[in-house]
Amino acid sequence: MSLPKGVDLNPPWPLRSGHIQTMLSSSGIRRTLLPKRAHKVQEDAREVLVDVGSGDRLSGRYTPQTTGGASRGLAILFHGWEGSVDSTYVLQTGSRLLEDGWDIFRLNFRDHGDSHGLNEALFHSCRIDEVVTALGEIARMFPSRVIGVAGFSLGGNFALRAAMLASKQVIPIDYVLAVCPIIDPAEGLFSLESEAPWFYNAYFMHKWRRSLRLKQEAFPQQTYFELDELKQNMRDLTSSLVLRHTDFGSLEAYLDGYSVAGDRLMGLHVPATILTSRDDPVIPVSAFHQLRLPPNIELDIANYGGHCGFIRDFSMTSFTDDYIAARFNAIAG
């Protein structure tokens, strides 16, 4: 069976602009224009709280397939930084897989979506152990003959790291797919601040500060940050997060803690695909060219797509829907 490749995406002008692709990927305009079927995964979804130990929980949504036949397997979806289980790209991918007979579990990372009040400690990108624990719990609660994980941006980075650790803990992950994953966080942070257009940094900082305010409201007895700290730029606020709320001694050590650059993915032994685009304005494509990967990891670099966009035409549907579904279905046999 021939699987779609990134080079197959050839959108019309002006959708060949990486900036337009990126801005549309999570925009309200796109969400409004998407067909109703793209929201199908929200129907009959039930909230699930996943115990990740030490009294902490992560929230998610589980939607069983209703094709009338046997389930193909369980698809677990990870959103990006400051996204959620209801991000447009998560809903669209989940709905597409649901149509093909997959059960869907959409996981919120700590302090994402509506989960700020679940746990007192703050989210940070090195909280990989609780995500691996969540994968094990989800596999236990919803046993399936095949389990695939797909993640976007920071969620793609989490998916790759979690799959490496899950195999060591005998958690049955059969396949992982990462769309525009963060590879080298230090390079990505520098790129957002100094190379990407200003509005990307402003967009992420607005969402992050809003999230931190919601966290403070949920736990008023805590002081997560001082007001003047919240006015800092991305680098300095991240540094404050590291020093206040992690055991890392420096910003550099923290960023290195969730890097998958160089040869770090050589320890990933399950089949995997990394999809990115040459025109991604958020994650520099150079980081992907520098990866050293084992034969079981497919690296696919599309010419177009921006950051997690891959919008094929003015219907606002994404090329990644069919791309992910084809690979998941191939793993399911």
Protein backbone atom coordinates (compact mmCIF):
# COMPACT_ATOMS: atom_id res chain seq x y z
CA MET A 1 0.00 0.00 0.00
CA SER A 2 1.32 3.44 -0.97
CA LEU A 3 1.29 5.90 1.92
CA PRO A 4 0.91 9.67 1.41
CA LYS A 5 4.11 11.68 1.64
CA GLY A 6 4.73 15.28 2.59
CA VAL A 7 5.67 16.19 -0.98
CA ASP A 8 2.12 15.24 -2.03
CA LEU A 9 0.79 18.41 -0.40
CA ASN A 10 0.60 21.15 -3.03
CA PRO A 11 -1.85 23.80 -1.78
CA PRO A 12 -3.00 26.70 -3.95
CA TRP A 13 -1.66 30.21 -3.54
CA PRO A 14 -1.78 31.91 -0.99
CA LEU A 15 -1.82 28.74 1.14
CA ARG A 16 1.76 28.11 0.04
CA SER A 17 2.87 30.67 2.60
CA GLY A 18 4.18 29.06 5.78
CA HIS A 19 2.98 32.07 7.77
CA ILE A 20 -0.57 31.82 6.44
CA GLN A 21 -0.58 28.06 7.07
CA THR A 22 0.59 28.60 10.64
CA MET A 23 -1.81 31.43 11.44
CA LEU A 24 -4.78 29.52 10.01
CA SER A 25 -3.94 26.26 11.77
CA SER A 26 -5.61 27.23 15.06
CA SER A 27 -7.58 30.28 13.99
CA GLY A 28 -11.24 30.87 14.75
CA ILE A 29 -11.83 31.41 11.04
CA ARG A 30 -10.67 27.92 10.21
CA ARG A 31 -12.65 26.43 13.09
CA THR A 32 -15.80 28.10 11.77
CA LEU A 33 -15.24 26.98 8.18
CA LEU A 34 -14.46 23.35 8.98
CA PRO A 35 -17.21 20.87 8.08
CA LYS A 36 -19.34 19.50 10.91
CA ARG A 37 -17.72 16.07 10.55
CA ALA A 38 -14.45 17.58 11.83
CA HIS A 39 -16.11 17.92 15.28
CA LYS A 40 -17.51 14.39 15.35
CA VAL A 41 -15.05 13.24 18.02
CA GLN A 42 -16.67 15.60 20.54
CA GLU A 43 -19.98 13.75 20.27
CA ASP A 44 -20.38 10.93 22.82
CA ALA A 45 -17.00 11.84 24.35
CA ARG A 46 -16.72 11.29 28.07
CA GLU A 47 -14.34 13.00 30.44
CA VAL A 48 -11.75 10.75 32.05
CA LEU A 49 -9.43 11.67 34.92
CA VAL A 50 -6.18 9.72 34.74
CA ASP A 51 -4.31 9.01 37.98
CA VAL A 52 -0.61 9.74 37.45
CA GLY A 53 0.51 9.18 41.04
CA SER A 54 1.18 11.33 44.12
CA GLY A 55 -2.44 12.48 44.08
CA ASP A 56 -2.06 14.14 40.68
CA ARG A 57 -4.40 13.63 37.74
CA LEU A 58 -4.53 14.52 34.07
CA SER A 59 -7.80 15.03 32.24
CA GLY A 60 -8.82 13.61 28.89
CA ARG A 61 -11.74 12.74 26.63
CA TYR A 62 -12.50 9.23 25.42
CA THR A 63 -14.68 8.59 22.36
CA PRO A 64 -15.39 4.99 21.29
CA GLN A 65 -15.85 4.29 17.60
CA THR A 66 -19.36 3.49 16.39
CA THR A 67 -18.84 2.04 12.92
CA GLY A 68 -20.61 -1.18 13.88
CA GLY A 69 -17.50 -3.26 13.33
CA ALA A 70 -14.56 -4.13 15.53
CA SER A 71 -12.34 -1.29 16.67
CA ARG A 72 -9.12 -0.87 14.70
CA GLY A 73 -7.33 0.20 17.86
CA LEU A 74 -6.86 3.08 20.28
CA ALA A 75 -5.49 6.41 19.04
CA ILE A 76 -4.08 8.70 21.75
CA LEU A 77 -3.68 12.34 20.73
CA PHE A 78 -1.42 15.01 22.28
CA HIS A 79 -2.01 18.74 21.68
CA GLY A 80 0.68 21.43 21.52
CA TRP A 81 1.82 24.00 24.08
CA GLU A 82 -1.18 26.00 25.37
CA GLY A 83 -3.49 23.90 23.19
CA SER A 84 -6.00 21.40 24.53
CA VAL A 85 -8.11 18.36 23.73
CA ASP A 86 -10.40 20.74 21.85
CA SER A 87 -7.74 22.35 19.65
CA THR A 88 -8.83 22.39 16.02
CA TYR A 89 -6.07 20.08 14.81
CA VAL A 90 -6.80 17.56 17.57
CA LEU A 91 -10.53 17.52 16.82
CA GLN A 92 -9.99 17.16 13.10
CA THR A 93 -7.47 14.32 13.43
CA GLY A 94 -9.56 12.57 16.07
CA SER A 95 -12.71 12.82 13.97
CA ARG A 96 -10.93 11.42 10.92
CA LEU A 97 -9.57 8.44 12.84
CA LEU A 98 -12.98 7.89 14.46
CA GLU A 99 -14.50 7.53 10.99
CA ASP A 100 -11.97 4.81 10.23
CA GLY A 101 -12.98 2.81 13.28
CA TRP A 102 -10.45 3.96 15.89
CA ASP A 103 -11.32 4.64 19.52
CA ILE A 104 -9.94 8.05 20.45
CA PHE A 105 -8.37 9.34 23.66
CA ARG A 106 -7.46 13.04 23.71
CA LEU A 107 -5.16 13.86 26.64
CA ASN A 108 -4.74 17.27 28.26
CA PHE A 109 -1.29 17.97 29.60
CA ARG A 110 -1.19 19.44 33.11
CA ASP A 111 -2.62 23.01 33.22
CA HIS A 112 -4.01 22.81 29.68
CA GLY A 113 -7.62 23.10 28.60
CA ASP A 114 -9.84 23.34 31.67
CA SER A 115 -7.49 21.42 33.98
CA HIS A 116 -5.71 24.22 35.89
CA GLY A 117 -7.44 23.31 39.14
CA LEU A 118 -6.57 19.60 39.12
CA ASN A 119 -3.00 19.77 40.44
CA GLU A 120 -1.21 22.36 42.55
CA ALA A 121 2.20 22.11 40.88
CA LEU A 122 2.76 23.92 37.58
CA PHE A 123 3.18 22.35 34.16
CA HIS A 124 6.60 22.34 32.58
CA SER A 125 7.95 20.51 29.55
CA CYS A 126 10.11 18.06 31.49
CA ARG A 127 7.11 16.47 33.22
CA ILE A 128 7.45 13.42 30.99
CA ASP A 129 7.06 10.79 33.71
CA GLU A 130 3.43 11.67 34.40
CA VAL A 131 2.63 11.48 30.68
CA VAL A 132 4.21 8.02 30.45
CA THR A 133 2.23 6.96 33.53
CA ALA A 134 -0.90 8.33 31.86
CA LEU A 135 -0.20 6.24 28.75
CA GLY A 136 0.01 3.14 30.91
CA GLU A 137 -3.23 3.97 32.71
CA ILE A 138 -5.05 4.73 29.44
CA ALA A 139 -3.85 1.42 27.97
CA ARG A 140 -5.10 -0.35 31.11
CA MET A 141 -8.50 1.37 31.12
CA PHE A 142 -9.10 0.96 27.39
CA PRO A 143 -7.23 -2.18 26.32
CA SER A 144 -6.78 -2.50 22.58
CA ARG A 145 -4.92 -4.77 20.19
CA VAL A 146 -3.14 -1.73 18.68
CA ILE A 147 -2.25 1.61 20.28
CA GLY A 148 -0.98 4.57 18.27
CA VAL A 149 0.09 7.96 19.61
CA ALA A 150 0.08 11.18 17.59
CA GLY A 151 1.27 14.54 18.86
CA PHE A 152 1.59 18.07 17.52
CA SER A 153 4.41 20.56 18.17
CA LEU A 154 5.31 20.22 21.88
CA GLY A 155 2.88 17.28 21.92
CA GLY A 156 4.96 15.68 19.18
CA ASN A 157 8.06 16.10 21.34
CA PHE A 158 6.19 14.52 24.28
CA ALA A 159 4.96 11.66 22.06
CA LEU A 160 8.49 10.76 20.92
CA ARG A 161 9.95 10.91 24.44
CA ALA A 162 7.02 9.06 25.99
CA ALA A 163 7.22 6.27 23.42
CA MET A 164 10.90 5.76 24.22
CA LEU A 165 10.19 5.47 27.94
CA ALA A 166 6.97 3.49 27.51
CA SER A 167 8.76 0.62 25.77
CA LYS A 168 11.12 0.29 28.74
CA GLN A 169 8.09 0.05 31.07
CA VAL A 170 6.28 -2.50 28.88
CA ILE A 171 3.51 -0.07 27.99
CA PRO A 172 2.08 -1.34 24.69
CA ILE A 173 2.68 1.52 22.24
CA ASP A 174 2.76 0.21 18.65
CA TYR A 175 3.37 3.40 16.68
CA VAL A 176 4.05 7.09 17.22
CA LEU A 177 3.64 10.03 14.84
CA ALA A 178 4.94 13.53 15.59
CA VAL A 179 3.82 16.56 13.56
CA CYS A 180 6.25 19.50 13.67
CA PRO A 181 7.74 18.37 17.00
CA ILE A 182 10.06 20.59 19.00
CA ILE A 183 13.51 19.09 18.44
CA ASP A 184 16.01 21.43 20.11
CA PRO A 185 14.14 23.62 22.64
CA ALA A 186 17.06 26.02 23.04
CA GLU A 187 17.18 26.66 19.29
CA GLY A 188 13.38 26.92 19.14
CA LEU A 189 13.24 29.47 21.95
CA PHE A 190 15.95 31.56 20.30
CA SER A 191 14.17 31.33 16.96
CA LEU A 192 10.83 32.49 18.39
CA GLU A 193 12.46 35.48 20.06
CA SER A 194 14.88 36.66 17.40
CA GLU A 195 14.06 35.14 14.00
CA ALA A 196 10.31 34.48 13.77
CA PRO A 197 7.98 37.46 13.17
CA TRP A 198 7.05 39.23 16.40
CA PHE A 199 3.41 38.12 16.39
CA TYR A 200 4.27 34.44 17.02
CA ASN A 201 6.09 35.32 20.23
CA ALA A 202 3.24 37.67 21.20
CA TYR A 203 0.65 34.96 20.52
CA PHE A 204 2.35 32.33 22.69
CA MET A 205 3.14 34.79 25.48
CA HIS A 206 -0.49 35.97 25.60
CA LYS A 207 -1.73 32.39 25.93
CA TRP A 208 0.94 31.45 28.50
CA ARG A 209 0.28 34.46 30.72
CA ARG A 210 -3.45 33.78 30.55
CA SER A 211 -2.81 30.17 31.61
CA LEU A 212 -0.64 31.29 34.53
CA ARG A 213 -3.36 33.69 35.68
CA LEU A 214 -5.91 30.85 35.60
CA LYS A 215 -3.52 28.72 37.65
CA GLN A 216 -3.15 31.48 40.23
CA GLU A 217 -6.92 31.85 40.47
CA ALA A 218 -7.30 28.10 40.99
CA PHE A 219 -4.78 28.11 43.87
CA PRO A 220 -4.92 31.60 45.45
CA GLN A 221 -2.91 30.43 48.45
CA GLN A 222 0.09 29.95 46.19
CA THR A 223 2.34 32.59 44.66
CA TYR A 224 3.49 31.09 41.39
CA PHE A 225 5.05 34.29 40.02
CA GLU A 226 5.34 37.90 41.07
CA LEU A 227 3.50 40.41 38.90
CA ASP A 228 6.72 41.90 37.53
CA GLU A 229 7.90 38.43 36.52
CA LEU A 230 4.80 37.93 34.37
CA LYS A 231 5.86 41.00 32.36
CA GLN A 232 9.14 39.38 31.36
CA ASN A 233 9.92 38.14 27.87
CA MET A 234 9.69 34.44 27.01
CA ARG A 235 13.29 33.61 27.86
CA ASP A 236 13.29 35.35 31.23
CA LEU A 237 9.85 34.06 32.26
CA THR A 238 10.92 30.53 31.33
CA SER A 239 14.06 31.03 33.41
CA SER A 240 11.91 32.15 36.36
CA LEU A 241 9.75 29.04 35.91
CA VAL A 242 12.84 26.82 35.95
CA LEU A 243 14.34 28.38 39.07
CA ARG A 244 11.05 28.63 40.98
CA HIS A 245 9.31 25.39 40.03
CA THR A 246 11.85 22.79 38.87
CA ASP A 247 14.96 21.05 40.16
CA PHE A 248 16.98 22.20 37.17
CA GLY A 249 19.71 24.63 38.11
CA SER A 250 19.60 26.67 34.94
CA LEU A 251 17.51 27.49 31.89
CA GLU A 252 20.04 25.66 29.70
CA ALA A 253 19.78 22.44 31.73
CA TYR A 254 15.98 22.59 31.59
CA LEU A 255 15.87 23.10 27.81
CA ASP A 256 18.33 20.26 27.34
CA GLY A 257 16.08 18.11 29.53
CA TYR A 258 13.40 17.80 26.87
CA SER A 259 15.56 17.98 23.77
CA VAL A 260 15.37 15.14 21.24
CA ALA A 261 18.12 16.61 19.05
CA GLY A 262 21.12 14.82 17.60
CA ASP A 263 21.10 11.09 18.33
CA ARG A 264 18.68 11.10 21.29
CA LEU A 265 15.97 9.32 19.31
CA MET A 266 18.24 6.34 18.66
CA GLY A 267 16.62 4.82 21.75
CA LEU A 268 13.15 4.82 20.19
CA HIS A 269 12.47 1.24 19.06
CA VAL A 270 8.80 1.37 17.97
CA PRO A 271 7.84 2.40 14.42
CA ALA A 272 7.58 6.18 14.20
CA THR A 273 7.08 9.01 11.74
CA ILE A 274 8.17 12.63 12.05
CA LEU A 275 6.37 15.02 9.70
CA THR A 276 7.47 18.62 9.38
CA SER A 277 7.67 21.32 6.70
CA ARG A 278 10.47 23.36 5.19
CA ASP A 279 8.51 26.57 5.73
CA ASP A 280 7.73 26.08 9.43
CA PRO A 281 8.38 29.54 10.94
CA VAL A 282 8.32 28.24 14.54
CA ILE A 283 10.56 25.11 14.48
CA PRO A 284 13.64 25.60 12.24
CA VAL A 285 13.93 22.81 9.66
CA SER A 286 17.71 22.69 10.20
CA ALA A 287 17.14 20.82 13.49
CA PHE A 288 15.52 17.95 11.56
CA HIS A 289 18.38 17.69 9.09
CA GLN A 290 20.77 17.23 12.01
CA LEU A 291 18.87 14.29 13.53
CA ARG A 292 20.47 10.84 13.61
CA LEU A 293 17.65 8.30 13.47
CA PRO A 294 17.29 4.51 13.57
CA PRO A 295 15.74 2.72 10.56
CA ASN A 296 12.33 2.44 12.26
CA ILE A 297 11.83 6.23 12.26
CA GLU A 298 10.56 7.86 9.07
CA LEU A 299 11.49 11.52 8.63
CA ASP A 300 9.22 13.29 6.14
CA ILE A 301 9.82 16.96 5.28
CA ALA A 302 7.06 18.60 3.23
CA ASN A 303 7.63 21.68 1.10
CA TYR A 304 4.55 23.41 2.52
CA GLY A 305 2.51 23.30 5.69
CA GLY A 306 3.87 25.91 8.09
CA HIS A 307 3.70 24.96 11.75
CA CYS A 308 1.06 22.23 12.20
CA GLY A 309 -1.06 23.66 9.38
CA PHE A 310 -0.78 21.48 6.26
CA ILE A 311 -4.06 22.98 5.02
CA ARG A 312 -4.72 21.50 1.63
CA ASP A 313 -7.23 23.99 0.16
CA PHE A 314 -9.88 26.57 1.01
CA SER A 315 -12.08 23.96 2.68
CA MET A 316 -9.63 24.44 5.59
CA THR A 317 -9.20 20.66 5.99
CA SER A 318 -5.72 19.38 6.73
CA PHE A 319 -3.54 17.03 4.72
CA THR A 320 -2.44 15.50 8.04
CA ASP A 321 -5.87 13.87 8.55
CA ASP A 322 -5.39 11.42 5.69
CA TYR A 323 -1.65 11.24 6.34
CA ILE A 324 -2.07 10.15 9.96
CA ALA A 325 -5.04 7.89 9.23
CA ALA A 326 -3.16 6.04 6.46
CA ARG A 327 -0.21 5.30 8.73
CA PHE A 328 -2.34 4.33 11.71
CA ASN A 329 -4.43 2.03 9.51
CA ALA A 330 -1.29 0.43 8.10
CA ILE A 331 -0.05 -0.36 11.61
CA ALA A 332 -3.47 -1.84 12.46
CA GLY A 333 -3.13 -4.15 9.49
